[in-house]
Amino acid sequence: MSAPRRLVLLRHGRTAWNAEQRVQGQTDVQLDDTGLAQARAVAPLIAALHPAQVWSSDLARARHTADEVAKEAGLVPTYDERLREFHLGTYQGLTHAEIGARDPDALARFRRGDWDGVPGAETAHQVAERYAAALTDLVAVLAPGETAVAVSHGAATRTGLTRFLGWPPAVARDLRGLDNCGRALLEERSTGEWALAAYNL
């Protein structure tokens, strides 16, 4: 087999809502000063892998993180709405404390990554399918030995990567969420299958 291809799945930098434990979902929240510093710090580490492509969710917090990575790597990012975070329905804009005050059991389920019962939210299946489809399209434009970066969000990434790797959906709930600007590394095997090489770097 020719040289393996690699995918770097990068979570966006911190936002004020992350710091407040406020549910973002697809609310278009900007990076805060800490998040921008995180993006600028991780950018040269990603650039050192010589990525050929940088794709990103089109939400501002991911887009601005991708912009820093792409600038450092000398690339122009591609924005793809399939890499967006879960739409989290009526929970968007609420803090964890506010959800817990309404329904402690709902907060416990939410913190376990069980979001299929959130009113108005996307299902895990929907997110897994769209995210994995984006990764499949991204891989298709890579030559042997090339690396690509997909900048996205914590819940969408762990849900989508399990689908892309062909793992049971329940595994997504067992994965710890990526830190802000944390990343997962996927590598292509000689069989053509993909494997998780590192998580939350």
N, C-alpha and C. Protein backbone atom coordinates (compact mmCIF):
# COMPACT_ATOMS: atom_id res chain seq x y z
N MET A 1 0.84 -1.20 0.00
CA MET A 1 0.00 0.00 0.00
C MET A 1 0.88 1.25 0.00
N SER A 2 0.40 2.29 -0.62
CA SER A 2 1.11 3.57 -0.61
C SER A 2 1.03 4.18 0.79
N ALA A 3 1.70 5.31 0.96
CA ALA A 3 1.75 5.96 2.27
C ALA A 3 0.34 6.23 2.81
N PRO A 4 0.11 5.98 4.08
CA PRO A 4 -1.23 6.17 4.65
C PRO A 4 -1.64 7.64 4.71
N ARG A 5 -2.92 7.85 4.60
CA ARG A 5 -3.48 9.19 4.77
C ARG A 5 -3.86 9.38 6.24
N ARG A 6 -3.95 10.64 6.64
CA ARG A 6 -4.28 10.95 8.03
C ARG A 6 -5.36 12.03 8.10
N LEU A 7 -6.16 11.95 9.13
CA LEU A 7 -7.16 12.97 9.42
C LEU A 7 -6.92 13.50 10.84
N VAL A 8 -6.88 14.81 10.98
CA VAL A 8 -6.81 15.44 12.28
C VAL A 8 -8.17 16.08 12.55
N LEU A 9 -8.84 15.63 13.59
CA LEU A 9 -10.14 16.17 13.97
C LEU A 9 -9.93 17.11 15.14
N LEU A 10 -10.12 18.38 14.90
CA LEU A 10 -9.77 19.43 15.87
C LEU A 10 -11.03 20.12 16.39
N ARG A 11 -11.13 20.20 17.71
CA ARG A 11 -12.23 20.98 18.30
C ARG A 11 -11.84 22.45 18.33
N HIS A 12 -12.82 23.31 18.24
CA HIS A 12 -12.60 24.75 18.27
C HIS A 12 -12.05 25.23 19.62
N GLY A 13 -11.54 26.45 19.64
CA GLY A 13 -11.10 27.07 20.88
C GLY A 13 -12.26 27.45 21.78
N ARG A 14 -11.94 27.90 22.97
CA ARG A 14 -12.95 28.19 23.98
C ARG A 14 -13.80 29.41 23.63
N THR A 15 -15.03 29.37 24.06
CA THR A 15 -15.92 30.53 23.99
C THR A 15 -16.34 30.91 25.41
N ALA A 16 -16.92 32.09 25.55
CA ALA A 16 -17.43 32.49 26.86
C ALA A 16 -18.52 31.52 27.32
N TRP A 17 -19.30 31.01 26.38
CA TRP A 17 -20.35 30.06 26.74
C TRP A 17 -19.77 28.74 27.24
N ASN A 18 -18.64 28.30 26.68
CA ASN A 18 -17.97 27.12 27.23
C ASN A 18 -17.62 27.36 28.69
N ALA A 19 -17.05 28.52 28.97
CA ALA A 19 -16.62 28.84 30.32
C ALA A 19 -17.80 28.90 31.29
N GLU A 20 -18.96 29.30 30.78
CA GLU A 20 -20.17 29.43 31.61
C GLU A 20 -20.96 28.12 31.71
N GLN A 21 -20.51 27.08 31.02
CA GLN A 21 -21.28 25.83 30.88
C GLN A 21 -22.67 26.13 30.32
N ARG A 22 -22.69 26.96 29.29
CA ARG A 22 -23.93 27.31 28.62
C ARG A 22 -23.99 26.53 27.30
N VAL A 23 -25.10 25.89 27.04
CA VAL A 23 -25.24 25.02 25.87
C VAL A 23 -25.25 25.86 24.59
N GLN A 24 -24.33 25.55 23.69
CA GLN A 24 -24.21 26.31 22.45
C GLN A 24 -24.99 25.68 21.31
N GLY A 25 -24.77 24.38 21.09
CA GLY A 25 -25.39 23.76 19.93
C GLY A 25 -24.98 24.51 18.68
N GLN A 26 -25.96 24.94 17.90
CA GLN A 26 -25.66 25.67 16.67
C GLN A 26 -25.81 27.19 16.84
N THR A 27 -25.90 27.67 18.07
CA THR A 27 -25.86 29.11 18.31
C THR A 27 -24.47 29.61 17.91
N ASP A 28 -24.42 30.71 17.18
CA ASP A 28 -23.15 31.13 16.57
C ASP A 28 -22.36 32.02 17.52
N VAL A 29 -21.66 31.40 18.45
CA VAL A 29 -20.90 32.09 19.48
C VAL A 29 -19.45 32.24 19.04
N GLN A 30 -18.87 33.40 19.31
CA GLN A 30 -17.48 33.69 18.92
C GLN A 30 -16.50 33.09 19.92
N LEU A 31 -15.27 32.90 19.51
CA LEU A 31 -14.19 32.58 20.44
C LEU A 31 -14.00 33.73 21.42
N ASP A 32 -13.66 33.41 22.68
CA ASP A 32 -13.24 34.47 23.59
C ASP A 32 -11.72 34.63 23.47
N ASP A 33 -11.14 35.50 24.28
CA ASP A 33 -9.70 35.76 24.17
C ASP A 33 -8.89 34.49 24.43
N THR A 34 -9.34 33.68 25.39
CA THR A 34 -8.65 32.42 25.67
C THR A 34 -8.74 31.48 24.47
N GLY A 35 -9.92 31.41 23.88
CA GLY A 35 -10.10 30.54 22.72
C GLY A 35 -9.26 30.95 21.53
N LEU A 36 -9.15 32.25 21.31
CA LEU A 36 -8.31 32.73 20.21
C LEU A 36 -6.85 32.38 20.47
N ALA A 37 -6.41 32.53 21.74
CA ALA A 37 -5.04 32.16 22.09
C ALA A 37 -4.81 30.66 21.90
N GLN A 38 -5.81 29.85 22.25
CA GLN A 38 -5.69 28.40 22.05
C GLN A 38 -5.55 28.07 20.57
N ALA A 39 -6.36 28.73 19.74
CA ALA A 39 -6.30 28.47 18.30
C ALA A 39 -4.93 28.86 17.74
N ARG A 40 -4.42 29.99 18.18
CA ARG A 40 -3.11 30.43 17.69
C ARG A 40 -1.99 29.53 18.20
N ALA A 41 -2.16 28.94 19.37
CA ALA A 41 -1.13 28.05 19.91
C ALA A 41 -1.13 26.70 19.20
N VAL A 42 -2.31 26.18 18.85
CA VAL A 42 -2.37 24.87 18.21
C VAL A 42 -2.04 24.94 16.73
N ALA A 43 -2.22 26.10 16.12
CA ALA A 43 -2.05 26.23 14.66
C ALA A 43 -0.67 25.75 14.18
N PRO A 44 0.44 26.17 14.80
CA PRO A 44 1.74 25.68 14.31
C PRO A 44 1.94 24.18 14.52
N LEU A 45 1.31 23.62 15.55
CA LEU A 45 1.41 22.17 15.77
C LEU A 45 0.74 21.41 14.64
N ILE A 46 -0.42 21.91 14.22
CA ILE A 46 -1.14 21.29 13.11
C ILE A 46 -0.39 21.53 11.80
N ALA A 47 0.11 22.74 11.62
CA ALA A 47 0.84 23.07 10.38
C ALA A 47 2.07 22.21 10.21
N ALA A 48 2.68 21.80 11.33
CA ALA A 48 3.87 20.95 11.26
C ALA A 48 3.59 19.58 10.65
N LEU A 49 2.30 19.21 10.60
CA LEU A 49 1.91 17.94 9.97
C LEU A 49 1.74 18.10 8.45
N HIS A 50 1.92 19.33 7.95
CA HIS A 50 1.83 19.64 6.52
C HIS A 50 0.49 19.23 5.92
N PRO A 51 -0.60 19.72 6.50
CA PRO A 51 -1.91 19.34 5.95
C PRO A 51 -2.10 19.85 4.53
N ALA A 52 -2.83 19.07 3.75
CA ALA A 52 -3.15 19.46 2.38
C ALA A 52 -4.51 20.14 2.30
N GLN A 53 -5.36 19.91 3.31
CA GLN A 53 -6.70 20.47 3.33
C GLN A 53 -7.07 20.86 4.75
N VAL A 54 -7.79 21.96 4.89
CA VAL A 54 -8.42 22.33 6.16
C VAL A 54 -9.89 22.57 5.89
N TRP A 55 -10.74 21.72 6.43
CA TRP A 55 -12.19 21.88 6.34
C TRP A 55 -12.71 22.23 7.73
N SER A 56 -13.84 22.92 7.76
CA SER A 56 -14.35 23.39 9.05
C SER A 56 -15.86 23.53 9.03
N SER A 57 -16.45 23.33 10.18
CA SER A 57 -17.81 23.80 10.43
C SER A 57 -17.89 25.28 10.08
N ASP A 58 -19.05 25.70 9.63
CA ASP A 58 -19.21 27.12 9.27
C ASP A 58 -19.63 27.99 10.44
N LEU A 59 -19.76 27.42 11.64
CA LEU A 59 -20.06 28.24 12.82
C LEU A 59 -18.81 29.00 13.25
N ALA A 60 -19.00 30.22 13.76
CA ALA A 60 -17.90 31.16 13.96
C ALA A 60 -16.77 30.59 14.81
N ARG A 61 -17.09 29.88 15.89
CA ARG A 61 -16.03 29.41 16.79
C ARG A 61 -15.13 28.39 16.10
N ALA A 62 -15.69 27.56 15.25
CA ALA A 62 -14.87 26.61 14.48
C ALA A 62 -14.18 27.31 13.32
N ARG A 63 -14.92 28.19 12.66
CA ARG A 63 -14.38 28.89 11.49
C ARG A 63 -13.15 29.71 11.85
N HIS A 64 -13.21 30.42 12.96
CA HIS A 64 -12.07 31.25 13.37
C HIS A 64 -10.88 30.39 13.81
N THR A 65 -11.16 29.24 14.43
CA THR A 65 -10.08 28.31 14.76
C THR A 65 -9.43 27.78 13.49
N ALA A 66 -10.25 27.40 12.52
CA ALA A 66 -9.74 26.90 11.24
C ALA A 66 -8.94 27.97 10.51
N ASP A 67 -9.38 29.21 10.60
CA ASP A 67 -8.66 30.29 9.93
C ASP A 67 -7.23 30.40 10.44
N GLU A 68 -7.04 30.24 11.76
CA GLU A 68 -5.70 30.31 12.33
C GLU A 68 -4.84 29.15 11.84
N VAL A 69 -5.42 27.95 11.80
CA VAL A 69 -4.69 26.78 11.34
C VAL A 69 -4.33 26.93 9.86
N ALA A 70 -5.30 27.33 9.06
CA ALA A 70 -5.08 27.45 7.62
C ALA A 70 -4.03 28.52 7.31
N LYS A 71 -4.09 29.62 8.04
CA LYS A 71 -3.11 30.69 7.83
C LYS A 71 -1.70 30.20 8.11
N GLU A 72 -1.54 29.46 9.19
CA GLU A 72 -0.23 28.93 9.56
C GLU A 72 0.27 27.90 8.53
N ALA A 73 -0.68 27.15 7.95
CA ALA A 73 -0.32 26.10 7.00
C ALA A 73 -0.26 26.59 5.56
N GLY A 74 -0.59 27.87 5.33
CA GLY A 74 -0.57 28.42 3.98
C GLY A 74 -1.70 27.90 3.11
N LEU A 75 -2.86 27.65 3.73
CA LEU A 75 -4.00 27.09 3.00
C LEU A 75 -5.20 28.02 3.10
N VAL A 76 -6.19 27.74 2.28
CA VAL A 76 -7.48 28.43 2.35
C VAL A 76 -8.50 27.41 2.86
N PRO A 77 -9.18 27.70 3.98
CA PRO A 77 -10.10 26.71 4.54
C PRO A 77 -11.38 26.58 3.72
N THR A 78 -11.99 25.42 3.83
CA THR A 78 -13.30 25.14 3.24
C THR A 78 -14.29 24.99 4.38
N TYR A 79 -15.43 25.67 4.29
CA TYR A 79 -16.43 25.61 5.36
C TYR A 79 -17.58 24.69 4.93
N ASP A 80 -17.96 23.79 5.82
CA ASP A 80 -18.95 22.77 5.49
C ASP A 80 -19.92 22.65 6.66
N GLU A 81 -21.18 22.93 6.41
CA GLU A 81 -22.16 22.92 7.51
C GLU A 81 -22.39 21.52 8.07
N ARG A 82 -21.97 20.49 7.37
CA ARG A 82 -22.13 19.13 7.90
C ARG A 82 -21.24 18.89 9.11
N LEU A 83 -20.23 19.74 9.32
CA LEU A 83 -19.34 19.61 10.47
C LEU A 83 -19.82 20.43 11.67
N ARG A 84 -21.02 20.98 11.57
CA ARG A 84 -21.58 21.74 12.70
C ARG A 84 -21.83 20.85 13.91
N GLU A 85 -21.94 21.53 15.06
CA GLU A 85 -22.33 20.87 16.29
C GLU A 85 -23.79 20.39 16.18
N PHE A 86 -24.18 19.50 17.07
CA PHE A 86 -25.58 19.14 17.22
C PHE A 86 -26.43 20.41 17.31
N HIS A 87 -27.59 20.41 16.68
CA HIS A 87 -28.60 21.39 17.07
C HIS A 87 -29.26 20.83 18.32
N LEU A 88 -29.21 21.58 19.41
CA LEU A 88 -29.66 21.07 20.70
C LEU A 88 -30.99 21.67 21.15
N GLY A 89 -31.80 22.05 20.17
CA GLY A 89 -33.19 22.38 20.43
C GLY A 89 -33.39 23.39 21.53
N THR A 90 -34.29 23.08 22.45
CA THR A 90 -34.68 24.03 23.50
C THR A 90 -33.59 24.23 24.56
N TYR A 91 -32.54 23.40 24.53
CA TYR A 91 -31.46 23.57 25.50
C TYR A 91 -30.48 24.67 25.09
N GLN A 92 -30.48 25.06 23.84
CA GLN A 92 -29.52 26.07 23.38
C GLN A 92 -29.73 27.38 24.13
N GLY A 93 -28.65 27.89 24.69
CA GLY A 93 -28.70 29.13 25.46
C GLY A 93 -28.86 28.93 26.94
N LEU A 94 -29.19 27.72 27.37
CA LEU A 94 -29.36 27.44 28.80
C LEU A 94 -28.03 26.97 29.40
N THR A 95 -27.81 27.31 30.67
CA THR A 95 -26.66 26.76 31.38
C THR A 95 -27.02 25.37 31.90
N HIS A 96 -26.00 24.59 32.23
CA HIS A 96 -26.25 23.28 32.83
C HIS A 96 -27.07 23.43 34.11
N ALA A 97 -26.77 24.47 34.89
CA ALA A 97 -27.51 24.68 36.14
C ALA A 97 -28.98 24.95 35.87
N GLU A 98 -29.27 25.70 34.80
CA GLU A 98 -30.67 25.99 34.46
C GLU A 98 -31.41 24.73 34.02
N ILE A 99 -30.73 23.87 33.27
CA ILE A 99 -31.35 22.60 32.86
C ILE A 99 -31.61 21.75 34.10
N GLY A 100 -30.60 21.69 34.99
CA GLY A 100 -30.74 20.89 36.19
C GLY A 100 -31.84 21.37 37.11
N ALA A 101 -32.04 22.68 37.18
CA ALA A 101 -33.11 23.23 38.02
C ALA A 101 -34.48 22.82 37.51
N ARG A 102 -34.60 22.68 36.20
CA ARG A 102 -35.87 22.26 35.61
C ARG A 102 -36.10 20.77 35.77
N ASP A 103 -35.01 19.99 35.58
CA ASP A 103 -35.14 18.53 35.56
C ASP A 103 -33.76 17.90 35.81
N PRO A 104 -33.46 17.54 37.05
CA PRO A 104 -32.14 16.96 37.36
C PRO A 104 -31.84 15.70 36.55
N ASP A 105 -32.85 14.90 36.28
CA ASP A 105 -32.62 13.68 35.50
C ASP A 105 -32.23 14.02 34.06
N ALA A 106 -32.85 15.06 33.51
CA ALA A 106 -32.52 15.48 32.15
C ALA A 106 -31.08 15.96 32.06
N LEU A 107 -30.64 16.68 33.10
CA LEU A 107 -29.25 17.14 33.10
C LEU A 107 -28.29 15.96 33.17
N ALA A 108 -28.61 14.95 33.98
CA ALA A 108 -27.75 13.76 34.08
C ALA A 108 -27.66 13.07 32.73
N ARG A 109 -28.80 12.94 32.02
CA ARG A 109 -28.78 12.32 30.69
C ARG A 109 -27.96 13.16 29.71
N PHE A 110 -28.14 14.46 29.79
CA PHE A 110 -27.41 15.37 28.90
C PHE A 110 -25.91 15.24 29.10
N ARG A 111 -25.48 15.18 30.35
CA ARG A 111 -24.05 15.08 30.65
C ARG A 111 -23.47 13.73 30.25
N ARG A 112 -24.34 12.72 30.13
CA ARG A 112 -23.89 11.40 29.64
C ARG A 112 -23.82 11.37 28.11
N GLY A 113 -24.27 12.43 27.48
CA GLY A 113 -24.28 12.44 26.02
C GLY A 113 -25.53 11.86 25.42
N ASP A 114 -26.60 11.75 26.20
CA ASP A 114 -27.88 11.23 25.72
C ASP A 114 -28.77 12.42 25.37
N TRP A 115 -28.69 12.86 24.11
CA TRP A 115 -29.39 14.07 23.70
C TRP A 115 -30.59 13.80 22.81
N ASP A 116 -30.88 12.52 22.54
CA ASP A 116 -31.97 12.23 21.62
C ASP A 116 -33.34 12.62 22.17
N GLY A 117 -33.42 12.82 23.49
CA GLY A 117 -34.70 13.21 24.06
C GLY A 117 -34.86 14.70 24.27
N VAL A 118 -33.87 15.49 23.85
CA VAL A 118 -33.95 16.94 24.03
C VAL A 118 -34.94 17.51 23.02
N PRO A 119 -35.95 18.25 23.47
CA PRO A 119 -36.97 18.77 22.54
C PRO A 119 -36.36 19.61 21.42
N GLY A 120 -36.68 19.25 20.19
CA GLY A 120 -36.22 20.02 19.03
C GLY A 120 -34.80 19.74 18.60
N ALA A 121 -34.11 18.80 19.25
CA ALA A 121 -32.70 18.54 18.94
C ALA A 121 -32.55 17.55 17.79
N GLU A 122 -31.41 17.65 17.11
CA GLU A 122 -31.02 16.61 16.17
C GLU A 122 -30.75 15.33 16.93
N THR A 123 -30.96 14.20 16.27
CA THR A 123 -30.61 12.93 16.89
C THR A 123 -29.14 12.62 16.66
N ALA A 124 -28.60 11.73 17.49
CA ALA A 124 -27.21 11.31 17.31
C ALA A 124 -27.03 10.67 15.94
N HIS A 125 -28.02 9.95 15.47
CA HIS A 125 -27.92 9.31 14.15
C HIS A 125 -27.78 10.37 13.05
N GLN A 126 -28.57 11.41 13.13
CA GLN A 126 -28.51 12.46 12.11
C GLN A 126 -27.13 13.12 12.08
N VAL A 127 -26.61 13.44 13.26
CA VAL A 127 -25.31 14.09 13.34
C VAL A 127 -24.21 13.15 12.86
N ALA A 128 -24.26 11.90 13.29
CA ALA A 128 -23.25 10.93 12.88
C ALA A 128 -23.21 10.78 11.37
N GLU A 129 -24.37 10.73 10.74
CA GLU A 129 -24.44 10.54 9.29
C GLU A 129 -23.86 11.74 8.54
N ARG A 130 -24.22 12.94 8.96
CA ARG A 130 -23.75 14.11 8.21
C ARG A 130 -22.25 14.35 8.43
N TYR A 131 -21.79 14.14 9.66
CA TYR A 131 -20.37 14.35 9.95
C TYR A 131 -19.52 13.31 9.22
N ALA A 132 -19.92 12.05 9.29
CA ALA A 132 -19.16 11.00 8.63
C ALA A 132 -19.15 11.19 7.12
N ALA A 133 -20.25 11.69 6.57
CA ALA A 133 -20.30 11.96 5.13
C ALA A 133 -19.29 13.04 4.75
N ALA A 134 -19.16 14.06 5.60
CA ALA A 134 -18.18 15.11 5.34
C ALA A 134 -16.76 14.54 5.37
N LEU A 135 -16.46 13.68 6.34
CA LEU A 135 -15.14 13.08 6.41
C LEU A 135 -14.87 12.20 5.19
N THR A 136 -15.87 11.48 4.74
CA THR A 136 -15.71 10.63 3.56
C THR A 136 -15.37 11.48 2.33
N ASP A 137 -16.04 12.61 2.19
CA ASP A 137 -15.75 13.50 1.07
C ASP A 137 -14.36 14.13 1.21
N LEU A 138 -13.97 14.44 2.44
CA LEU A 138 -12.65 15.02 2.68
C LEU A 138 -11.55 14.02 2.33
N VAL A 139 -11.72 12.78 2.75
CA VAL A 139 -10.74 11.74 2.44
C VAL A 139 -10.62 11.55 0.92
N ALA A 140 -11.72 11.68 0.22
CA ALA A 140 -11.73 11.44 -1.23
C ALA A 140 -10.83 12.41 -2.00
N VAL A 141 -10.55 13.57 -1.43
CA VAL A 141 -9.70 14.54 -2.15
C VAL A 141 -8.24 14.45 -1.71
N LEU A 142 -7.92 13.52 -0.82
CA LEU A 142 -6.54 13.37 -0.35
C LEU A 142 -5.78 12.38 -1.22
N ALA A 143 -4.57 12.74 -1.56
CA ALA A 143 -3.66 11.83 -2.24
C ALA A 143 -2.99 10.92 -1.19
N PRO A 144 -2.40 9.80 -1.63
CA PRO A 144 -1.69 8.94 -0.68
C PRO A 144 -0.66 9.74 0.13
N GLY A 145 -0.65 9.48 1.43
CA GLY A 145 0.31 10.14 2.31
C GLY A 145 -0.08 11.51 2.79
N GLU A 146 -1.19 12.05 2.28
CA GLU A 146 -1.59 13.41 2.68
C GLU A 146 -2.39 13.40 3.97
N THR A 147 -2.39 14.57 4.62
CA THR A 147 -3.11 14.79 5.87
C THR A 147 -4.15 15.89 5.66
N ALA A 148 -5.31 15.73 6.28
CA ALA A 148 -6.34 16.75 6.25
C ALA A 148 -6.78 17.06 7.67
N VAL A 149 -7.30 18.27 7.85
CA VAL A 149 -7.80 18.72 9.15
C VAL A 149 -9.29 19.02 9.02
N ALA A 150 -10.07 18.53 9.97
CA ALA A 150 -11.49 18.87 10.06
C ALA A 150 -11.73 19.55 11.40
N VAL A 151 -12.09 20.82 11.36
CA VAL A 151 -12.32 21.59 12.59
C VAL A 151 -13.81 21.57 12.89
N SER A 152 -14.16 21.12 14.08
CA SER A 152 -15.58 20.97 14.40
C SER A 152 -15.80 21.21 15.88
N HIS A 153 -16.66 20.42 16.48
CA HIS A 153 -17.17 20.65 17.83
C HIS A 153 -17.08 19.36 18.62
N GLY A 154 -17.15 19.48 19.93
CA GLY A 154 -16.92 18.32 20.78
C GLY A 154 -17.88 17.17 20.58
N ALA A 155 -19.17 17.42 20.70
CA ALA A 155 -20.15 16.34 20.60
C ALA A 155 -20.25 15.81 19.18
N ALA A 156 -20.24 16.69 18.20
CA ALA A 156 -20.33 16.25 16.81
C ALA A 156 -19.13 15.39 16.44
N THR A 157 -17.95 15.76 16.92
CA THR A 157 -16.74 15.00 16.56
C THR A 157 -16.77 13.60 17.13
N ARG A 158 -17.07 13.46 18.41
CA ARG A 158 -17.03 12.11 18.96
C ARG A 158 -18.16 11.24 18.41
N THR A 159 -19.28 11.86 18.07
CA THR A 159 -20.39 11.11 17.47
C THR A 159 -20.06 10.73 16.03
N GLY A 160 -19.51 11.68 15.27
CA GLY A 160 -19.22 11.44 13.87
C GLY A 160 -18.05 10.51 13.64
N LEU A 161 -17.02 10.61 14.48
CA LEU A 161 -15.86 9.75 14.24
C LEU A 161 -16.20 8.29 14.49
N THR A 162 -17.09 8.01 15.46
CA THR A 162 -17.49 6.63 15.70
C THR A 162 -18.21 6.06 14.48
N ARG A 163 -19.05 6.88 13.85
CA ARG A 163 -19.73 6.42 12.63
C ARG A 163 -18.74 6.21 11.50
N PHE A 164 -17.81 7.13 11.33
CA PHE A 164 -16.81 7.02 10.26
C PHE A 164 -15.95 5.77 10.43
N LEU A 165 -15.63 5.43 11.68
CA LEU A 165 -14.81 4.26 11.95
C LEU A 165 -15.61 2.96 11.98
N GLY A 166 -16.93 3.06 11.90
CA GLY A 166 -17.76 1.87 11.91
C GLY A 166 -17.98 1.27 13.28
N TRP A 167 -17.78 2.06 14.33
CA TRP A 167 -17.98 1.59 15.69
C TRP A 167 -19.46 1.66 16.07
N PRO A 168 -19.89 0.88 17.08
CA PRO A 168 -21.26 0.99 17.56
C PRO A 168 -21.56 2.41 18.06
N PRO A 169 -22.74 2.93 17.80
CA PRO A 169 -23.06 4.31 18.21
C PRO A 169 -22.86 4.58 19.69
N ALA A 170 -23.09 3.58 20.53
CA ALA A 170 -22.98 3.79 21.98
C ALA A 170 -21.57 4.16 22.40
N VAL A 171 -20.57 3.83 21.59
CA VAL A 171 -19.18 4.14 21.95
C VAL A 171 -18.98 5.65 22.10
N ALA A 172 -19.73 6.43 21.32
CA ALA A 172 -19.59 7.89 21.39
C ALA A 172 -19.82 8.41 22.80
N ARG A 173 -20.73 7.77 23.53
CA ARG A 173 -21.02 8.22 24.89
C ARG A 173 -19.91 7.84 25.85
N ASP A 174 -19.09 6.87 25.49
CA ASP A 174 -18.00 6.45 26.36
C ASP A 174 -16.73 7.28 26.15
N LEU A 175 -16.66 7.99 25.02
CA LEU A 175 -15.51 8.84 24.76
C LEU A 175 -15.63 10.13 25.56
N ARG A 176 -14.56 10.50 26.22
CA ARG A 176 -14.53 11.80 26.89
C ARG A 176 -14.56 12.89 25.83
N GLY A 177 -15.26 13.97 26.10
CA GLY A 177 -15.29 15.07 25.15
C GLY A 177 -13.91 15.66 24.93
N LEU A 178 -13.63 16.08 23.71
CA LEU A 178 -12.36 16.74 23.43
C LEU A 178 -12.28 18.07 24.18
N ASP A 179 -11.10 18.40 24.67
CA ASP A 179 -10.87 19.72 25.24
C ASP A 179 -10.94 20.77 24.12
N ASN A 180 -11.09 22.03 24.49
CA ASN A 180 -11.01 23.09 23.50
C ASN A 180 -9.64 23.05 22.82
N CYS A 181 -9.64 22.98 21.51
CA CYS A 181 -8.44 22.79 20.68
C CYS A 181 -7.75 21.46 20.93
N GLY A 182 -8.47 20.52 21.56
CA GLY A 182 -8.01 19.13 21.59
C GLY A 182 -8.26 18.50 20.23
N ARG A 183 -7.53 17.42 19.95
CA ARG A 183 -7.66 16.82 18.63
C ARG A 183 -7.54 15.31 18.69
N ALA A 184 -8.16 14.68 17.70
CA ALA A 184 -8.04 13.24 17.49
C ALA A 184 -7.30 13.01 16.19
N LEU A 185 -6.51 11.96 16.13
CA LEU A 185 -5.77 11.61 14.93
C LEU A 185 -6.25 10.26 14.42
N LEU A 186 -6.69 10.23 13.17
CA LEU A 186 -7.11 9.01 12.51
C LEU A 186 -6.10 8.69 11.41
N GLU A 187 -5.76 7.41 11.29
CA GLU A 187 -4.79 6.99 10.27
C GLU A 187 -5.37 5.84 9.46
N GLU A 188 -5.04 5.85 8.17
CA GLU A 188 -5.50 4.81 7.27
C GLU A 188 -4.60 3.58 7.42
N ARG A 189 -5.21 2.41 7.53
CA ARG A 189 -4.45 1.16 7.62
C ARG A 189 -4.15 0.62 6.23
N SER A 190 -3.30 -0.39 6.18
CA SER A 190 -2.95 -1.00 4.89
C SER A 190 -4.15 -1.65 4.22
N THR A 191 -5.17 -1.99 5.02
CA THR A 191 -6.39 -2.60 4.48
C THR A 191 -7.32 -1.56 3.86
N GLY A 192 -7.00 -0.28 4.04
CA GLY A 192 -7.89 0.78 3.56
C GLY A 192 -8.87 1.24 4.62
N GLU A 193 -8.93 0.52 5.75
CA GLU A 193 -9.78 0.94 6.85
C GLU A 193 -9.07 2.04 7.64
N TRP A 194 -9.86 2.73 8.48
CA TRP A 194 -9.30 3.82 9.28
C TRP A 194 -9.30 3.42 10.75
N ALA A 195 -8.31 3.93 11.48
CA ALA A 195 -8.17 3.62 12.90
C ALA A 195 -7.89 4.89 13.69
N LEU A 196 -8.31 4.89 14.93
CA LEU A 196 -8.03 6.01 15.83
C LEU A 196 -6.63 5.82 16.40
N ALA A 197 -5.73 6.71 16.07
CA ALA A 197 -4.33 6.61 16.51
C ALA A 197 -4.07 7.38 17.80
N ALA A 198 -4.82 8.45 18.04
CA ALA A 198 -4.63 9.25 19.25
C ALA A 198 -5.90 10.04 19.49
N TYR A 199 -6.15 10.36 20.76
CA TYR A 199 -7.39 11.07 21.10
C TYR A 199 -7.13 12.10 22.19
N ASN A 200 -7.65 13.26 21.99
CA ASN A 200 -7.55 14.40 22.92
C ASN A 200 -6.10 14.81 23.15
N LEU A 201 -5.35 14.90 22.07
CA LEU A 201 -3.98 15.41 22.14
C LEU A 201 -3.99 16.86 22.57
